[in-house]
């Protein structure tokens, strides 16, 4: 741990921070919306599948009686 503190470079830390912030901004601009859209689409698909299964279960219960 002491070696890490001794070898700490402010310049390297600064550039790593700048690159990290730039990467986060690029991801926010280009990737965040498509990822969220895909997740929401999947969520809607799962909800629809569950609703269909519940309807089929109710229809099937009517025919058994």
PDB file of N, CA and C in Angstrom:
ATOM      1  N   UNK A   1       0.832  -1.197   0.000  1.00  0.00           N
ATOM      2  CA  UNK A   1       0.000   0.000   0.000  1.00  0.00           C
ATOM      3  C   UNK A   1       0.869   1.251   0.000  1.00  0.00           C
ATOM      4  N   UNK A   2       1.958   1.207   0.758  1.00  0.00           N
ATOM      5  CA  UNK A   2       2.843   2.379   0.816  1.00  0.00           C
ATOM      6  C   UNK A   2       3.483   2.643  -0.543  1.00  0.00           C
ATOM      7  N   UNK A   3       3.773   1.562  -1.294  1.00  0.00           N
ATOM      8  CA  UNK A   3       4.377   1.729  -2.610  1.00  0.00           C
ATOM      9  C   UNK A   3       3.418   2.465  -3.545  1.00  0.00           C
ATOM     10  N   UNK A   4       2.134   2.154  -3.440  1.00  0.00           N
ATOM     11  CA  UNK A   4       1.148   2.859  -4.270  1.00  0.00           C
ATOM     12  C   UNK A   4       1.129   4.350  -3.960  1.00  0.00           C
ATOM     13  N   UNK A   5       1.211   4.679  -2.685  1.00  0.00           N
ATOM     14  CA  UNK A   5       1.192   6.089  -2.288  1.00  0.00           C
ATOM     15  C   UNK A   5       2.473   6.784  -2.742  1.00  0.00           C
ATOM     16  N   UNK A   6       3.603   6.084  -2.654  1.00  0.00           N
ATOM     17  CA  UNK A   6       4.877   6.682  -3.068  1.00  0.00           C
ATOM     18  C   UNK A   6       4.922   6.898  -4.573  1.00  0.00           C
ATOM     19  N   UNK A   7       4.327   5.991  -5.351  1.00  0.00           N
ATOM     20  CA  UNK A   7       4.373   6.084  -6.808  1.00  0.00           C
ATOM     21  C   UNK A   7       3.221   6.903  -7.387  1.00  0.00           C
ATOM     22  N   UNK A   8       2.400   7.509  -6.558  1.00  0.00           N
ATOM     23  CA  UNK A   8       1.248   8.281  -7.022  1.00  0.00           C
ATOM     24  C   UNK A   8       1.718   9.447  -7.882  1.00  0.00           C
ATOM     25  N   UNK A   9       1.083   9.596  -9.044  1.00  0.00           N
ATOM     26  CA  UNK A   9       1.421  10.677  -9.961  1.00  0.00           C
ATOM     27  C   UNK A   9       0.173  11.528 -10.183  1.00  0.00           C
ATOM     28  N   UNK A  10       0.253  12.797  -9.860  1.00  0.00           N
ATOM     29  CA  UNK A  10      -0.880  13.698 -10.012  1.00  0.00           C
ATOM     30  C   UNK A  10      -1.250  13.841 -11.485  1.00  0.00           C
ATOM     31  N   UNK A  11      -0.265  13.926 -12.352  1.00  0.00           N
ATOM     32  CA  UNK A  11      -0.532  14.072 -13.782  1.00  0.00           C
ATOM     33  C   UNK A  11      -1.262  12.858 -14.341  1.00  0.00           C
ATOM     34  N   UNK A  12      -0.805  11.663 -13.986  1.00  0.00           N
ATOM     35  CA  UNK A  12      -1.454  10.449 -14.454  1.00  0.00           C
ATOM     36  C   UNK A  12      -2.875  10.363 -13.916  1.00  0.00           C
ATOM     37  N   UNK A  13      -3.053  10.719 -12.649  1.00  0.00           N
ATOM     38  CA  UNK A  13      -4.391  10.717 -12.052  1.00  0.00           C
ATOM     39  C   UNK A  13      -5.312  11.681 -12.792  1.00  0.00           C
ATOM     40  N   UNK A  14      -4.803  12.852 -13.101  1.00  0.00           N
ATOM     41  CA  UNK A  14      -5.597  13.853 -13.816  1.00  0.00           C
ATOM     42  C   UNK A  14      -6.056  13.316 -15.166  1.00  0.00           C
ATOM     43  N   UNK A  15      -5.134  12.740 -15.952  1.00  0.00           N
ATOM     44  CA  UNK A  15      -5.506  12.254 -17.286  1.00  0.00           C
ATOM     45  C   UNK A  15      -6.448  11.061 -17.218  1.00  0.00           C
ATOM     46  N   UNK A  16      -6.259  10.209 -16.235  1.00  0.00           N
ATOM     47  CA  UNK A  16      -7.193   9.093 -16.070  1.00  0.00           C
ATOM     48  C   UNK A  16      -8.583   9.608 -15.718  1.00  0.00           C
ATOM     49  N   UNK A  17      -8.645  10.619 -14.886  1.00  0.00           N
ATOM     50  CA  UNK A  17      -9.927  11.217 -14.521  1.00  0.00           C
ATOM     51  C   UNK A  17     -10.589  11.870 -15.728  1.00  0.00           C
ATOM     52  N   UNK A  18      -9.818  12.589 -16.521  1.00  0.00           N
ATOM     53  CA  UNK A  18     -10.356  13.227 -17.730  1.00  0.00           C
ATOM     54  C   UNK A  18     -10.888  12.172 -18.692  1.00  0.00           C
ATOM     55  N   UNK A  19     -10.140  11.101 -18.916  1.00  0.00           N
ATOM     56  CA  UNK A  19     -10.577  10.038 -19.828  1.00  0.00           C
ATOM     57  C   UNK A  19     -11.816   9.332 -19.293  1.00  0.00           C
ATOM     58  N   UNK A  20     -11.884   9.096 -17.999  1.00  0.00           N
ATOM     59  CA  UNK A  20     -13.044   8.443 -17.409  1.00  0.00           C
ATOM     60  C   UNK A  20     -14.297   9.301 -17.570  1.00  0.00           C
ATOM     61  N   UNK A  21     -14.181  10.585 -17.289  1.00  0.00           N
ATOM     62  CA  UNK A  21     -15.321  11.489 -17.436  1.00  0.00           C
ATOM     63  C   UNK A  21     -15.743  11.555 -18.912  1.00  0.00           C
ATOM     64  N   UNK A  22     -14.768  11.608 -19.822  1.00  0.00           N
ATOM     65  CA  UNK A  22     -15.087  11.613 -21.245  1.00  0.00           C
ATOM     66  C   UNK A  22     -15.809  10.345 -21.674  1.00  0.00           C
ATOM     67  N   UNK A  23     -15.369   9.202 -21.161  1.00  0.00           N
ATOM     68  CA  UNK A  23     -16.025   7.939 -21.477  1.00  0.00           C
ATOM     69  C   UNK A  23     -17.455   7.919 -20.957  1.00  0.00           C
ATOM     70  N   UNK A  24     -17.657   8.391 -19.747  1.00  0.00           N
ATOM     71  CA  UNK A  24     -19.006   8.436 -19.177  1.00  0.00           C
ATOM     72  C   UNK A  24     -19.906   9.343 -20.018  1.00  0.00           C
ATOM     73  N   UNK A  25     -19.394  10.479 -20.437  1.00  0.00           N
ATOM     74  CA  UNK A  25     -20.188  11.391 -21.270  1.00  0.00           C
ATOM     75  C   UNK A  25     -20.516  10.778 -22.629  1.00  0.00           C
ATOM     76  N   UNK A  26     -19.548  10.092 -23.243  1.00  0.00           N
ATOM     77  CA  UNK A  26     -19.814   9.431 -24.518  1.00  0.00           C
ATOM     78  C   UNK A  26     -20.862   8.329 -24.367  1.00  0.00           C
ATOM     79  N   UNK A  27     -20.745   7.545 -23.310  1.00  0.00           N
ATOM     80  CA  UNK A  27     -21.732   6.493 -23.074  1.00  0.00           C
ATOM     81  C   UNK A  27     -23.108   7.082 -22.829  1.00  0.00           C
ATOM     82  N   UNK A  28     -23.151   8.187 -22.084  1.00  0.00           N
ATOM     83  CA  UNK A  28     -24.439   8.825 -21.815  1.00  0.00           C
ATOM     84  C   UNK A  28     -25.068   9.323 -23.113  1.00  0.00           C
ATOM     85  N   UNK A  29     -24.251   9.892 -23.979  1.00  0.00           N
ATOM     86  CA  UNK A  29     -24.782  10.470 -25.222  1.00  0.00           C
ATOM     87  C   UNK A  29     -25.215   9.396 -26.219  1.00  0.00           C
ATOM     88  N   UNK A  30     -24.426   8.325 -26.369  1.00  0.00           N
ATOM     89  CA  UNK A  30     -24.678   7.370 -27.441  1.00  0.00           C
ATOM     90  C   UNK A  30     -25.247   6.027 -26.990  1.00  0.00           C
ATOM     91  N   UNK A  31     -24.985   5.606 -25.777  1.00  0.00           N
ATOM     92  CA  UNK A  31     -25.354   4.238 -25.390  1.00  0.00           C
ATOM     93  C   UNK A  31     -26.478   4.163 -24.374  1.00  0.00           C
ATOM     94  N   UNK A  32     -26.619   5.158 -23.551  1.00  0.00           N
ATOM     95  CA  UNK A  32     -27.567   5.058 -22.438  1.00  0.00           C
ATOM     96  C   UNK A  32     -29.003   4.889 -22.924  1.00  0.00           C
ATOM     97  N   UNK A  33     -29.437   5.684 -23.880  1.00  0.00           N
ATOM     98  CA  UNK A  33     -30.820   5.603 -24.366  1.00  0.00           C
ATOM     99  C   UNK A  33     -31.118   4.265 -25.040  1.00  0.00           C
ATOM    100  N   UNK A  34     -30.263   3.765 -25.943  1.00  0.00           N
ATOM    101  CA  UNK A  34     -30.552   2.450 -26.530  1.00  0.00           C
ATOM    102  C   UNK A  34     -30.590   1.330 -25.491  1.00  0.00           C
ATOM    103  N   UNK A  35     -29.731   1.394 -24.505  1.00  0.00           N
ATOM    104  CA  UNK A  35     -29.728   0.369 -23.456  1.00  0.00           C
ATOM    105  C   UNK A  35     -31.028   0.427 -22.673  1.00  0.00           C
ATOM    106  N   UNK A  36     -31.444   1.617 -22.272  1.00  0.00           N
ATOM    107  CA  UNK A  36     -32.697   1.755 -21.522  1.00  0.00           C
ATOM    108  C   UNK A  36     -33.898   1.354 -22.363  1.00  0.00           C
ATOM    109  N   UNK A  37     -33.880   1.698 -23.655  1.00  0.00           N
ATOM    110  CA  UNK A  37     -34.976   1.296 -24.544  1.00  0.00           C
ATOM    111  C   UNK A  37     -35.078  -0.229 -24.619  1.00  0.00           C
ATOM    112  N   UNK A  38     -33.937  -0.892 -24.727  1.00  0.00           N
ATOM    113  CA  UNK A  38     -33.937  -2.356 -24.789  1.00  0.00           C
ATOM    114  C   UNK A  38     -34.463  -2.967 -23.502  1.00  0.00           C
ATOM    115  N   UNK A  39     -34.050  -2.416 -22.382  1.00  0.00           N
ATOM    116  CA  UNK A  39     -34.507  -2.928 -21.085  1.00  0.00           C
ATOM    117  C   UNK A  39     -36.014  -2.721 -20.939  1.00  0.00           C
ATOM    118  N   UNK A  40     -36.504  -1.555 -21.315  1.00  0.00           N
ATOM    119  CA  UNK A  40     -37.942  -1.283 -21.220  1.00  0.00           C
ATOM    120  C   UNK A  40     -38.742  -2.168 -22.167  1.00  0.00           C
ATOM    121  N   UNK A  41     -38.213  -2.395 -23.363  1.00  0.00           N
ATOM    122  CA  UNK A  41     -38.886  -3.275 -24.324  1.00  0.00           C
ATOM    123  C   UNK A  41     -38.963  -4.701 -23.776  1.00  0.00           C
ATOM    124  N   UNK A  42     -37.890  -5.150 -23.185  1.00  0.00           N
ATOM    125  CA  UNK A  42     -37.878  -6.497 -22.591  1.00  0.00           C
ATOM    126  C   UNK A  42     -38.880  -6.586 -21.444  1.00  0.00           C
ATOM    127  N   UNK A  43     -38.907  -5.546 -20.613  1.00  0.00           N
ATOM    128  CA  UNK A  43     -39.846  -5.522 -19.486  1.00  0.00           C
ATOM    129  C   UNK A  43     -41.295  -5.590 -19.985  1.00  0.00           C
ATOM    130  N   UNK A  44     -41.598  -4.820 -21.025  1.00  0.00           N
ATOM    131  CA  UNK A  44     -42.952  -4.854 -21.595  1.00  0.00           C
ATOM    132  C   UNK A  44     -43.279  -6.227 -22.164  1.00  0.00           C
ATOM    133  N   UNK A  45     -42.316  -6.839 -22.831  1.00  0.00           N
ATOM    134  CA  UNK A  45     -42.527  -8.175 -23.378  1.00  0.00           C
ATOM    135  C   UNK A  45     -42.815  -9.199 -22.289  1.00  0.00           C
ATOM    136  N   UNK A  46     -42.101  -9.105 -21.191  1.00  0.00           N
ATOM    137  CA  UNK A  46     -42.322 -10.026 -20.069  1.00  0.00           C
ATOM    138  C   UNK A  46     -43.697  -9.797 -19.459  1.00  0.00           C
ATOM    139  N   UNK A  47     -44.075  -8.527 -19.294  1.00  0.00           N
ATOM    140  CA  UNK A  47     -45.411  -8.230 -18.746  1.00  0.00           C
ATOM    141  C   UNK A  47     -46.505  -8.785 -19.651  1.00  0.00           C
ATOM    142  N   UNK A  48     -46.338  -8.603 -20.966  1.00  0.00           N
ATOM    143  CA  UNK A  48     -47.335  -9.120 -21.910  1.00  0.00           C
ATOM    144  C   UNK A  48     -47.398 -10.645 -21.875  1.00  0.00           C
ATOM    145  N   UNK A  49     -46.248 -11.290 -21.764  1.00  0.00           N
ATOM    146  CA  UNK A  49     -46.222 -12.750 -21.712  1.00  0.00           C
ATOM    147  C   UNK A  49     -46.904 -13.260 -20.445  1.00  0.00           C
ATOM    148  N   UNK A  50     -46.666 -12.593 -19.337  1.00  0.00           N
ATOM    149  CA  UNK A  50     -47.318 -12.991 -18.087  1.00  0.00           C
ATOM    150  C   UNK A  50     -48.832 -12.787 -18.161  1.00  0.00           C
ATOM    151  N   UNK A  51     -49.252 -11.686 -18.767  1.00  0.00           N
ATOM    152  CA  UNK A  51     -50.688 -11.428 -18.911  1.00  0.00           C
ATOM    153  C   UNK A  51     -51.321 -12.476 -19.825  1.00  0.00           C
ATOM    154  N   UNK A  52     -50.646 -12.838 -20.911  1.00  0.00           N
ATOM    155  CA  UNK A  52     -51.157 -13.871 -21.819  1.00  0.00           C
ATOM    156  C   UNK A  52     -51.262 -15.213 -21.113  1.00  0.00           C
ATOM    157  N   UNK A  53     -50.267 -15.538 -20.330  1.00  0.00           N
ATOM    158  CA  UNK A  53     -50.281 -16.807 -19.608  1.00  0.00           C
ATOM    159  C   UNK A  53     -51.431 -16.835 -18.612  1.00  0.00           C
ATOM    160  N   UNK A  54     -51.665 -15.723 -17.954  1.00  0.00           N
ATOM    161  CA  UNK A  54     -52.769 -15.662 -16.981  1.00  0.00           C
ATOM    162  C   UNK A  54     -54.115 -15.811 -17.691  1.00  0.00           C
ATOM    163  N   UNK A  55     -54.269 -15.165 -18.846  1.00  0.00           N
ATOM    164  CA  UNK A  55     -55.507 -15.299 -19.624  1.00  0.00           C
ATOM    165  C   UNK A  55     -55.719 -16.736 -20.075  1.00  0.00           C
ATOM    166  N   UNK A  56     -54.661 -17.362 -20.572  1.00  0.00           N
ATOM    167  CA  UNK A  56     -54.754 -18.750 -21.025  1.00  0.00           C
ATOM    168  C   UNK A  56     -55.109 -19.678 -19.869  1.00  0.00           C
ATOM    169  N   UNK A  57     -54.553 -19.390 -18.723  1.00  0.00           N
ATOM    170  CA  UNK A  57     -54.844 -20.194 -17.530  1.00  0.00           C
ATOM    171  C   UNK A  57     -56.324 -20.077 -17.159  1.00  0.00           C
ATOM    172  N   UNK A  58     -56.871 -18.865 -17.237  1.00  0.00           N
ATOM    173  CA  UNK A  58     -58.292 -18.662 -16.916  1.00  0.00           C
ATOM    174  C   UNK A  58     -59.192 -19.349 -17.947  1.00  0.00           C
ATOM    175  N   UNK A  59     -58.837 -19.225 -19.249  1.00  0.00           N
ATOM    176  CA  UNK A  59     -59.626 -19.892 -20.289  1.00  0.00           C
ATOM    177  C   UNK A  59     -59.581 -21.403 -20.124  1.00  0.00           C
ATOM    178  N   UNK A  60     -58.428 -21.905 -19.782  1.00  0.00           N
ATOM    179  CA  UNK A  60     -58.246 -23.348 -19.615  1.00  0.00           C
ATOM    180  C   UNK A  60     -59.050 -23.847 -18.414  1.00  0.00           C
ATOM    181  N   UNK A  61     -59.122 -23.032 -17.367  1.00  0.00           N
ATOM    182  CA  UNK A  61     -59.887 -23.411 -16.169  1.00  0.00           C
ATOM    183  C   UNK A  61     -61.381 -23.479 -16.484  1.00  0.00           C
ATOM    184  N   UNK A  62     -61.889 -22.642 -17.390  1.00  0.00           N
ATOM    185  CA  UNK A  62     -63.306 -22.646 -17.761  1.00  0.00           C
ATOM    186  C   UNK A  62     -63.661 -23.938 -18.509  1.00  0.00           C
ATOM    187  N   UNK A  63     -62.749 -24.402 -19.360  1.00  0.00           N
ATOM    188  CA  UNK A  63     -63.039 -25.601 -20.141  1.00  0.00           C
ATOM    189  C   UNK A  63     -62.956 -26.876 -19.309  1.00  0.00           C
ATOM    190  N   UNK A  64     -62.204 -26.876 -18.225  1.00  0.00           N
ATOM    191  CA  UNK A  64     -62.062 -28.054 -17.386  1.00  0.00           C
ATOM    192  C   UNK A  64     -63.323 -28.306 -16.548  1.00  0.00           C
ATOM    193  N   UNK A  65     -64.040 -27.269 -16.238  1.00  0.00           N
ATOM    194  CA  UNK A  65     -65.225 -27.415 -15.386  1.00  0.00           C
ATOM    195  C   UNK A  65     -66.391 -27.883 -16.103  1.00  0.00           C
TER     196      UNK A  65
END
